[in-house]
Amino acid sequence: VCMYVSAPLFAIFAFATCGGYSGGLRLSVDCVNKTESNLSIDIGFAYPFRLHQVTFEVPTCEGKGRQKLALIGDSSSSAEFFVTVAVFAFLYSLAATVVYIFFQNKYRENNRGPLIDFIVTVVFSFLWLVGSSAWAKGLSDVKVATDPKEVLSLMSACKQPSNKCMAVHSPVMSSLNTSVVFGFLNFILWAGNIWFVFKETGWHSSGQRYLSDPMEKHSSSYKQGGYNQDSYGSSGGYSQQASLGPSSDEFGQQPSGPTSFTNQI
């Protein structure tokens, strides 16, 4: 139950910090001809990070108007997969909590509930691992593509030493870093719960019975063998003692020689 209470919270933090992100950077291009300069070029981007669709205009500093550029990269697939896993994990955790608390009898009926719960837990553990790893790589690509130096290198005006290009401020990625951390925390949470869910299934109890039966048979056979050995040893010792000791008839028998001699005298 503790897992299903904490899992929705962890899932909320994961998809909220990723799916609700919007950021940007500001660049400055100071041309030799001041009339063409643009000291405030704002470039905004947000979830799902289709950066190749983010366009902006910059001066060319050559009297030819403005140059239209776009960021490089597309991390939408990894970001959307990550958020989808988080949303479904959140919904399943809520449903499982309700069933586990209010429908305990139905949950344990025919052992179907624990088996389904075990399989779903294993699947979500795998999805959290894959989704978090993919989004960590996607976030790395987003950081590279939105780095001010990388964006400035796309501008033809910044390739001329006479023009001054600089970054006014860089994008803040703290919430996206938090989403990756919560993604791997969710993986640890779900993977750690596999053992506890497995103990609820019939597989665990049947495995215990399988291990206990041979041990009981071994102990019973050992006791039986020890009892037979003791009885055999006692009876054998008794027989051996009876055979070694002289009988009363043999001990009381007198020799006939001296008796006949007396009679002769």
C-alpha atoms as a PDB file:
ATOM      1  CA  VAL A   1       0.000   0.000   0.000  1.00  0.00           C
ATOM      2  CA  CYS A   2       2.839   2.399   0.803  1.00  0.00           C
ATOM      3  CA  MET A   3       4.200   1.904  -2.693  1.00  0.00           C
ATOM      4  CA  TYR A   4       0.861   2.732  -4.321  1.00  0.00           C
ATOM      5  CA  VAL A   5       0.566   5.852  -2.179  1.00  0.00           C
ATOM      6  CA  SER A   6       4.007   7.181  -3.087  1.00  0.00           C
ATOM      7  CA  ALA A   7       3.993   6.036  -6.736  1.00  0.00           C
ATOM      8  CA  PRO A   8       1.324   8.565  -7.876  1.00  0.00           C
ATOM      9  CA  LEU A   9       3.261  11.399  -6.240  1.00  0.00           C
ATOM     10  CA  PHE A  10       6.520  10.377  -7.902  1.00  0.00           C
ATOM     11  CA  ALA A  11       4.743  10.008 -11.245  1.00  0.00           C
ATOM     12  CA  ILE A  12       3.168  13.471 -10.912  1.00  0.00           C
ATOM     13  CA  PHE A  13       6.548  15.064 -10.272  1.00  0.00           C
ATOM     14  CA  ALA A  14       8.004  13.209 -13.253  1.00  0.00           C
ATOM     15  CA  PHE A  15       5.500  14.226 -15.916  1.00  0.00           C
ATOM     16  CA  ALA A  16       4.809  17.694 -14.445  1.00  0.00           C
ATOM     17  CA  THR A  17       8.455  18.770 -14.487  1.00  0.00           C
ATOM     18  CA  CYS A  18       8.881  17.495 -18.038  1.00  0.00           C
ATOM     19  CA  GLY A  19       5.501  18.075 -19.694  1.00  0.00           C
ATOM     20  CA  GLY A  20       5.011  21.512 -18.165  1.00  0.00           C
ATOM     21  CA  TYR A  21       8.391  22.923 -19.147  1.00  0.00           C
ATOM     22  CA  SER A  22       8.848  26.045 -21.256  1.00  0.00           C
ATOM     23  CA  GLY A  23      12.079  27.980 -21.499  1.00  0.00           C
ATOM     24  CA  GLY A  24      14.188  30.082 -23.754  1.00  0.00           C
ATOM     25  CA  LEU A  25      17.378  32.002 -24.299  1.00  0.00           C
ATOM     26  CA  ARG A  26      18.215  35.543 -25.372  1.00  0.00           C
ATOM     27  CA  LEU A  27      21.003  36.492 -27.736  1.00  0.00           C
ATOM     28  CA  SER A  28      22.500  39.782 -28.851  1.00  0.00           C
ATOM     29  CA  VAL A  29      23.984  40.667 -32.263  1.00  0.00           C
ATOM     30  CA  ASP A  30      25.762  44.026 -32.465  1.00  0.00           C
ATOM     31  CA  CYS A  31      26.605  44.854 -36.063  1.00  0.00           C
ATOM     32  CA  VAL A  32      29.106  47.433 -37.282  1.00  0.00           C
ATOM     33  CA  ASN A  33      26.129  49.215 -38.813  1.00  0.00           C
ATOM     34  CA  LYS A  34      24.173  49.908 -35.646  1.00  0.00           C
ATOM     35  CA  THR A  35      20.907  50.217 -37.518  1.00  0.00           C
ATOM     36  CA  GLU A  36      20.998  46.504 -38.299  1.00  0.00           C
ATOM     37  CA  SER A  37      21.836  45.397 -34.772  1.00  0.00           C
ATOM     38  CA  ASN A  38      19.442  43.380 -32.639  1.00  0.00           C
ATOM     39  CA  LEU A  39      20.383  43.272 -28.994  1.00  0.00           C
ATOM     40  CA  SER A  40      17.419  41.174 -27.874  1.00  0.00           C
ATOM     41  CA  ILE A  41      16.802  37.999 -29.876  1.00  0.00           C
ATOM     42  CA  ASP A  42      14.442  35.790 -27.883  1.00  0.00           C
ATOM     43  CA  ILE A  43      14.247  32.091 -28.705  1.00  0.00           C
ATOM     44  CA  GLY A  44      11.615  30.112 -26.832  1.00  0.00           C
ATOM     45  CA  PHE A  45      11.022  26.372 -26.781  1.00  0.00           C
ATOM     46  CA  ALA A  46       8.866  24.004 -24.749  1.00  0.00           C
ATOM     47  CA  TYR A  47       7.618  20.442 -24.440  1.00  0.00           C
ATOM     48  CA  PRO A  48       7.628  18.239 -26.555  1.00  0.00           C
ATOM     49  CA  PHE A  49      10.938  19.785 -27.739  1.00  0.00           C
ATOM     50  CA  ARG A  50      10.512  19.713 -31.515  1.00  0.00           C
ATOM     51  CA  LEU A  51      13.424  22.101 -31.785  1.00  0.00           C
ATOM     52  CA  HIS A  52      13.628  21.975 -35.569  1.00  0.00           C
ATOM     53  CA  GLN A  53      10.259  23.759 -35.625  1.00  0.00           C
ATOM     54  CA  VAL A  54      11.504  26.641 -33.448  1.00  0.00           C
ATOM     55  CA  THR A  55      12.385  29.458 -35.825  1.00  0.00           C
ATOM     56  CA  PHE A  56      13.785  32.927 -35.196  1.00  0.00           C
ATOM     57  CA  GLU A  57      15.135  35.849 -37.236  1.00  0.00           C
ATOM     58  CA  VAL A  58      18.576  37.391 -36.854  1.00  0.00           C
ATOM     59  CA  PRO A  59      20.319  40.260 -38.649  1.00  0.00           C
ATOM     60  CA  THR A  60      22.898  39.482 -41.316  1.00  0.00           C
ATOM     61  CA  CYS A  61      24.828  42.753 -40.765  1.00  0.00           C
ATOM     62  CA  GLU A  62      25.286  42.936 -44.558  1.00  0.00           C
ATOM     63  CA  GLY A  63      22.367  45.186 -45.448  1.00  0.00           C
ATOM     64  CA  LYS A  64      20.400  42.195 -46.831  1.00  0.00           C
ATOM     65  CA  GLY A  65      17.616  42.157 -44.292  1.00  0.00           C
ATOM     66  CA  ARG A  66      17.204  39.343 -41.811  1.00  0.00           C
ATOM     67  CA  GLN A  67      18.133  35.695 -41.780  1.00  0.00           C
ATOM     68  CA  LYS A  68      15.596  33.093 -40.683  1.00  0.00           C
ATOM     69  CA  LEU A  69      17.046  30.198 -38.717  1.00  0.00           C
ATOM     70  CA  ALA A  70      15.816  27.215 -36.726  1.00  0.00           C
ATOM     71  CA  LEU A  71      17.179  25.206 -33.857  1.00  0.00           C
ATOM     72  CA  ILE A  72      18.594  21.745 -34.510  1.00  0.00           C
ATOM     73  CA  GLY A  73      17.203  18.495 -33.189  1.00  0.00           C
ATOM     74  CA  ASP A  74      13.966  16.744 -32.244  1.00  0.00           C
ATOM     75  CA  SER A  75      13.617  15.114 -28.833  1.00  0.00           C
ATOM     76  CA  SER A  76       9.844  14.812 -28.933  1.00  0.00           C
ATOM     77  CA  SER A  77       9.765  11.011 -29.131  1.00  0.00           C
ATOM     78  CA  SER A  78      11.725  10.425 -25.916  1.00  0.00           C
ATOM     79  CA  ALA A  79       9.960  13.243 -24.062  1.00  0.00           C
ATOM     80  CA  GLU A  80       6.474  12.080 -25.057  1.00  0.00           C
ATOM     81  CA  PHE A  81       7.277   8.467 -24.238  1.00  0.00           C
ATOM     82  CA  PHE A  82       8.536   9.501 -20.809  1.00  0.00           C
ATOM     83  CA  VAL A  83       5.423  11.549 -20.053  1.00  0.00           C
ATOM     84  CA  THR A  84       3.133   8.781 -21.346  1.00  0.00           C
ATOM     85  CA  VAL A  85       4.726   6.209 -19.029  1.00  0.00           C
ATOM     86  CA  ALA A  86       4.377   8.623 -16.112  1.00  0.00           C
ATOM     87  CA  VAL A  87       0.694   9.294 -16.809  1.00  0.00           C
ATOM     88  CA  PHE A  88      -0.227   5.619 -17.146  1.00  0.00           C
ATOM     89  CA  ALA A  89       1.794   4.731 -14.044  1.00  0.00           C
ATOM     90  CA  PHE A  90      -0.075   7.429 -12.148  1.00  0.00           C
ATOM     91  CA  LEU A  91      -3.474   6.114 -13.273  1.00  0.00           C
ATOM     92  CA  TYR A  92      -2.616   2.485 -12.523  1.00  0.00           C
ATOM     93  CA  SER A  93      -1.275   3.351  -9.079  1.00  0.00           C
ATOM     94  CA  LEU A  94      -4.515   5.126  -8.182  1.00  0.00           C
ATOM     95  CA  ALA A  95      -6.637   2.239  -9.461  1.00  0.00           C
ATOM     96  CA  ALA A  96      -4.489  -0.363  -7.673  1.00  0.00           C
ATOM     97  CA  THR A  97      -4.681   1.602  -4.414  1.00  0.00           C
ATOM     98  CA  VAL A  98      -8.479   1.694  -4.561  1.00  0.00           C
ATOM     99  CA  VAL A  99      -8.709  -2.035  -5.353  1.00  0.00           C
ATOM    100  CA  TYR A 100      -6.177  -3.034  -2.699  1.00  0.00           C
ATOM    101  CA  ILE A 101      -7.896  -1.038   0.063  1.00  0.00           C
ATOM    102  CA  PHE A 102     -11.607  -1.390  -0.713  1.00  0.00           C
ATOM    103  CA  PHE A 103     -11.753  -4.637  -2.691  1.00  0.00           C
ATOM    104  CA  GLN A 104      -9.284  -6.873  -0.868  1.00  0.00           C
ATOM    105  CA  ASN A 105     -11.429  -9.998  -1.266  1.00  0.00           C
ATOM    106  CA  LYS A 106     -11.822  -9.516  -5.004  1.00  0.00           C
ATOM    107  CA  TYR A 107      -8.105  -8.794  -5.273  1.00  0.00           C
ATOM    108  CA  ARG A 108      -7.153 -12.179  -3.766  1.00  0.00           C
ATOM    109  CA  GLU A 109      -9.905 -14.190  -5.427  1.00  0.00           C
ATOM    110  CA  ASN A 110      -8.449 -17.054  -7.504  1.00  0.00           C
ATOM    111  CA  ASN A 111      -5.020 -15.388  -7.136  1.00  0.00           C
ATOM    112  CA  ARG A 112      -5.731 -13.295 -10.240  1.00  0.00           C
ATOM    113  CA  GLY A 113      -5.228  -9.926  -8.616  1.00  0.00           C
ATOM    114  CA  PRO A 114      -1.700 -10.577  -7.315  1.00  0.00           C
ATOM    115  CA  LEU A 115      -0.650 -12.199 -10.604  1.00  0.00           C
ATOM    116  CA  ILE A 116      -1.911  -9.255 -12.674  1.00  0.00           C
ATOM    117  CA  ASP A 117      -0.328  -6.832 -10.229  1.00  0.00           C
ATOM    118  CA  PHE A 118       3.000  -8.668 -10.431  1.00  0.00           C
ATOM    119  CA  ILE A 119       3.052  -8.654 -14.245  1.00  0.00           C
ATOM    120  CA  VAL A 120       2.066  -4.974 -14.477  1.00  0.00           C
ATOM    121  CA  THR A 121       4.703  -4.025 -11.899  1.00  0.00           C
ATOM    122  CA  VAL A 122       7.433  -5.771 -13.891  1.00  0.00           C
ATOM    123  CA  VAL A 123       6.257  -4.071 -17.099  1.00  0.00           C
ATOM    124  CA  PHE A 124       6.188  -0.602 -15.534  1.00  0.00           C
ATOM    125  CA  SER A 125       9.636  -1.134 -14.013  1.00  0.00           C
ATOM    126  CA  PHE A 126      10.997  -1.894 -17.465  1.00  0.00           C
ATOM    127  CA  LEU A 127       9.151   1.069 -19.026  1.00  0.00           C
ATOM    128  CA  TRP A 128      10.450   3.460 -16.383  1.00  0.00           C
ATOM    129  CA  LEU A 129      14.004   2.294 -17.002  1.00  0.00           C
ATOM    130  CA  VAL A 130      13.710   2.643 -20.779  1.00  0.00           C
ATOM    131  CA  GLY A 131      11.782   5.904 -20.635  1.00  0.00           C
ATOM    132  CA  SER A 132      14.117   7.553 -18.137  1.00  0.00           C
ATOM    133  CA  SER A 133      17.217   6.485 -20.058  1.00  0.00           C
ATOM    134  CA  ALA A 134      15.775   7.707 -23.362  1.00  0.00           C
ATOM    135  CA  TRP A 135      14.687  11.018 -21.888  1.00  0.00           C
ATOM    136  CA  ALA A 136      18.090  11.522 -20.245  1.00  0.00           C
ATOM    137  CA  LYS A 137      19.668  11.183 -23.701  1.00  0.00           C
ATOM    138  CA  GLY A 138      17.001  13.448 -25.206  1.00  0.00           C
ATOM    139  CA  LEU A 139      17.602  16.090 -22.548  1.00  0.00           C
ATOM    140  CA  SER A 140      21.311  15.981 -23.299  1.00  0.00           C
ATOM    141  CA  ASP A 141      20.524  16.701 -26.966  1.00  0.00           C
ATOM    142  CA  VAL A 142      18.212  19.566 -25.965  1.00  0.00           C
ATOM    143  CA  LYS A 143      20.963  21.135 -23.863  1.00  0.00           C
ATOM    144  CA  VAL A 144      23.416  20.958 -26.747  1.00  0.00           C
ATOM    145  CA  ALA A 145      20.953  22.349 -29.289  1.00  0.00           C
ATOM    146  CA  THR A 146      19.912  25.279 -27.067  1.00  0.00           C
ATOM    147  CA  ASP A 147      23.389  26.163 -25.891  1.00  0.00           C
ATOM    148  CA  PRO A 148      23.941  29.854 -26.757  1.00  0.00           C
ATOM    149  CA  LYS A 149      27.343  29.168 -28.322  1.00  0.00           C
ATOM    150  CA  GLU A 150      25.794  26.502 -30.547  1.00  0.00           C
ATOM    151  CA  VAL A 151      23.017  28.857 -31.650  1.00  0.00           C
ATOM    152  CA  LEU A 152      25.397  31.733 -32.293  1.00  0.00           C
ATOM    153  CA  SER A 153      27.479  29.484 -34.538  1.00  0.00           C
ATOM    154  CA  LEU A 154      24.450  29.185 -36.860  1.00  0.00           C
ATOM    155  CA  MET A 155      24.396  32.945 -37.583  1.00  0.00           C
ATOM    156  CA  SER A 156      26.367  34.231 -40.531  1.00  0.00           C
ATOM    157  CA  ALA A 157      26.775  37.646 -38.862  1.00  0.00           C
ATOM    158  CA  CYS A 158      28.596  36.067 -35.923  1.00  0.00           C
ATOM    159  CA  LYS A 159      31.210  34.579 -38.262  1.00  0.00           C
ATOM    160  CA  GLN A 160      32.532  38.079 -38.989  1.00  0.00           C
ATOM    161  CA  PRO A 161      34.999  39.379 -36.375  1.00  0.00           C
ATOM    162  CA  SER A 162      33.750  42.928 -36.734  1.00  0.00           C
ATOM    163  CA  ASN A 163      30.336  42.036 -35.342  1.00  0.00           C
ATOM    164  CA  LYS A 164      29.800  41.313 -31.664  1.00  0.00           C
ATOM    165  CA  CYS A 165      27.586  38.343 -30.755  1.00  0.00           C
ATOM    166  CA  MET A 166      26.893  37.338 -27.187  1.00  0.00           C
ATOM    167  CA  ALA A 167      24.375  35.501 -25.016  1.00  0.00           C
ATOM    168  CA  VAL A 168      22.241  37.664 -22.765  1.00  0.00           C
ATOM    169  CA  HIS A 169      20.933  34.688 -20.754  1.00  0.00           C
ATOM    170  CA  SER A 170      20.903  30.938 -21.124  1.00  0.00           C
ATOM    171  CA  PRO A 171      17.949  28.560 -20.672  1.00  0.00           C
ATOM    172  CA  VAL A 172      17.256  27.193 -17.199  1.00  0.00           C
ATOM    173  CA  MET A 173      17.125  23.387 -17.230  1.00  0.00           C
ATOM    174  CA  SER A 174      16.709  22.663 -13.521  1.00  0.00           C
ATOM    175  CA  SER A 175      13.137  21.349 -13.837  1.00  0.00           C
ATOM    176  CA  LEU A 176      14.133  19.061 -16.704  1.00  0.00           C
ATOM    177  CA  ASN A 177      17.011  17.693 -14.661  1.00  0.00           C
ATOM    178  CA  THR A 178      14.514  17.056 -11.861  1.00  0.00           C
ATOM    179  CA  SER A 179      12.274  15.111 -14.236  1.00  0.00           C
ATOM    180  CA  VAL A 180      15.118  12.736 -15.091  1.00  0.00           C
ATOM    181  CA  VAL A 181      15.878  12.216 -11.401  1.00  0.00           C
ATOM    182  CA  PHE A 182      12.243  11.416 -10.664  1.00  0.00           C
ATOM    183  CA  GLY A 183      12.177   9.073 -13.623  1.00  0.00           C
ATOM    184  CA  PHE A 184      14.932   6.908 -12.179  1.00  0.00           C
ATOM    185  CA  LEU A 185      13.414   7.179  -8.700  1.00  0.00           C
ATOM    186  CA  ASN A 186      10.200   5.778 -10.142  1.00  0.00           C
ATOM    187  CA  PHE A 187      12.168   2.905 -11.645  1.00  0.00           C
ATOM    188  CA  ILE A 188      13.746   2.129  -8.263  1.00  0.00           C
ATOM    189  CA  LEU A 189      10.354   2.343  -6.565  1.00  0.00           C
ATOM    190  CA  TRP A 190       8.618  -0.002  -8.995  1.00  0.00           C
ATOM    191  CA  ALA A 191      11.533  -2.430  -9.270  1.00  0.00           C
ATOM    192  CA  GLY A 192      11.825  -2.621  -5.497  1.00  0.00           C
ATOM    193  CA  ASN A 193       8.138  -3.444  -5.235  1.00  0.00           C
ATOM    194  CA  ILE A 194       8.459  -6.509  -7.498  1.00  0.00           C
ATOM    195  CA  TRP A 195       9.535  -8.753  -4.611  1.00  0.00           C
ATOM    196  CA  PHE A 196       6.689  -7.646  -2.345  1.00  0.00           C
ATOM    197  CA  VAL A 197       4.108  -8.194  -5.071  1.00  0.00           C
ATOM    198  CA  PHE A 198       5.657 -11.570  -5.899  1.00  0.00           C
ATOM    199  CA  LYS A 199       5.153 -12.678  -2.293  1.00  0.00           C
ATOM    200  CA  GLU A 200       1.422 -12.110  -2.755  1.00  0.00           C
ATOM    201  CA  THR A 201       1.216 -14.511  -5.697  1.00  0.00           C
ATOM    202  CA  GLY A 202       0.713 -18.259  -5.602  1.00  0.00           C
ATOM    203  CA  TRP A 203       4.096 -18.791  -7.230  1.00  0.00           C
ATOM    204  CA  HIS A 204       5.853 -17.793  -4.021  1.00  0.00           C
ATOM    205  CA  SER A 205       3.757 -20.063  -1.775  1.00  0.00           C
ATOM    206  CA  SER A 206       4.043 -23.015  -4.162  1.00  0.00           C
ATOM    207  CA  GLY A 207       7.810 -22.564  -4.255  1.00  0.00           C
ATOM    208  CA  GLN A 208       7.954 -22.647  -0.479  1.00  0.00           C
ATOM    209  CA  ARG A 209       5.901 -25.860  -0.380  1.00  0.00           C
ATOM    210  CA  TYR A 210       8.190 -27.418  -2.984  1.00  0.00           C
ATOM    211  CA  LEU A 211      11.242 -26.634  -0.866  1.00  0.00           C
ATOM    212  CA  SER A 212       9.685 -27.722   2.432  1.00  0.00           C
ATOM    213  CA  ASP A 213       8.402 -31.165   1.254  1.00  0.00           C
ATOM    214  CA  PRO A 214      11.858 -32.671   0.491  1.00  0.00           C
ATOM    215  CA  MET A 215      13.164 -31.357   3.800  1.00  0.00           C
ATOM    216  CA  GLU A 216      10.311 -32.988   5.705  1.00  0.00           C
ATOM    217  CA  LYS A 217      10.828 -36.279   3.892  1.00  0.00           C
ATOM    218  CA  HIS A 218      14.550 -36.173   4.616  1.00  0.00           C
ATOM    219  CA  SER A 219      14.032 -35.486   8.308  1.00  0.00           C
ATOM    220  CA  SER A 220      11.397 -38.229   8.679  1.00  0.00           C
ATOM    221  CA  SER A 221      13.600 -40.802   6.948  1.00  0.00           C
ATOM    222  CA  TYR A 222      16.506 -39.811   9.164  1.00  0.00           C
ATOM    223  CA  LYS A 223      14.449 -40.306  12.310  1.00  0.00           C
ATOM    224  CA  GLN A 224      13.168 -43.654  11.091  1.00  0.00           C
ATOM    225  CA  GLY A 225      16.674 -44.845  10.260  1.00  0.00           C
ATOM    226  CA  GLY A 226      17.956 -43.802  13.674  1.00  0.00           C
ATOM    227  CA  TYR A 227      15.151 -45.657  15.439  1.00  0.00           C
ATOM    228  CA  ASN A 228      15.841 -48.886  13.527  1.00  0.00           C
ATOM    229  CA  GLN A 229      19.516 -48.610  14.217  1.00  0.00           C
ATOM    230  CA  ASP A 230      18.947 -48.220  17.939  1.00  0.00           C
ATOM    231  CA  SER A 231      16.570 -51.149  18.137  1.00  0.00           C
ATOM    232  CA  TYR A 232      18.908 -53.264  16.093  1.00  0.00           C
ATOM    233  CA  GLY A 233      21.825 -52.347  18.306  1.00  0.00           C
ATOM    234  CA  SER A 234      19.945 -53.166  21.502  1.00  0.00           C
ATOM    235  CA  SER A 235      18.640 -56.475  20.255  1.00  0.00           C
ATOM    236  CA  GLY A 236      22.011 -57.410  18.792  1.00  0.00           C
ATOM    237  CA  GLY A 237      23.805 -56.610  22.025  1.00  0.00           C
ATOM    238  CA  TYR A 238      21.315 -58.618  24.015  1.00  0.00           C
ATOM    239  CA  SER A 239      21.709 -61.664  21.783  1.00  0.00           C
ATOM    240  CA  GLN A 240      25.438 -61.366  21.818  1.00  0.00           C
ATOM    241  CA  GLN A 241      25.507 -61.159  25.622  1.00  0.00           C
ATOM    242  CA  ALA A 242      23.291 -64.219  25.923  1.00  0.00           C
ATOM    243  CA  SER A 243      25.456 -66.261  23.616  1.00  0.00           C
ATOM    244  CA  LEU A 244      28.730 -65.334  25.333  1.00  0.00           C
ATOM    245  CA  GLY A 245      27.653 -66.065  28.931  1.00  0.00           C
ATOM    246  CA  PRO A 246      27.550 -69.767  30.105  1.00  0.00           C
ATOM    247  CA  SER A 247      24.193 -71.408  30.656  1.00  0.00           C
ATOM    248  CA  SER A 248      22.982 -72.513  34.038  1.00  0.00           C
ATOM    249  CA  ASP A 249      22.898 -76.144  32.955  1.00  0.00           C
ATOM    250  CA  GLU A 250      26.495 -76.152  31.813  1.00  0.00           C
ATOM    251  CA  PHE A 251      27.720 -74.429  34.965  1.00  0.00           C
ATOM    252  CA  GLY A 252      25.914 -76.814  37.347  1.00  0.00           C
ATOM    253  CA  GLN A 253      26.996 -80.071  35.655  1.00  0.00           C
ATOM    254  CA  GLN A 254      29.452 -82.185  37.843  1.00  0.00           C
ATOM    255  CA  PRO A 255      32.112 -84.458  36.403  1.00  0.00           C
ATOM    256  CA  SER A 256      31.328 -88.167  36.813  1.00  0.00           C
ATOM    257  CA  GLY A 257      34.916 -89.392  37.343  1.00  0.00           C
ATOM    258  CA  PRO A 258      35.446 -88.694  41.094  1.00  0.00           C
ATOM    259  CA  THR A 259      32.058 -90.065  42.067  1.00  0.00           C
ATOM    260  CA  SER A 260      32.779 -93.465  40.584  1.00  0.00           C
ATOM    261  CA  PHE A 261      36.188 -93.590  42.340  1.00  0.00           C
ATOM    262  CA  THR A 262      34.627 -93.111  45.800  1.00  0.00           C
ATOM    263  CA  ASN A 263      32.202 -95.843  45.263  1.00  0.00           C
ATOM    264  CA  GLN A 264      35.069 -98.167  44.417  1.00  0.00           C
ATOM    265  CA  ILE A 265      36.769 -97.433  47.749  1.00  0.00           C
END
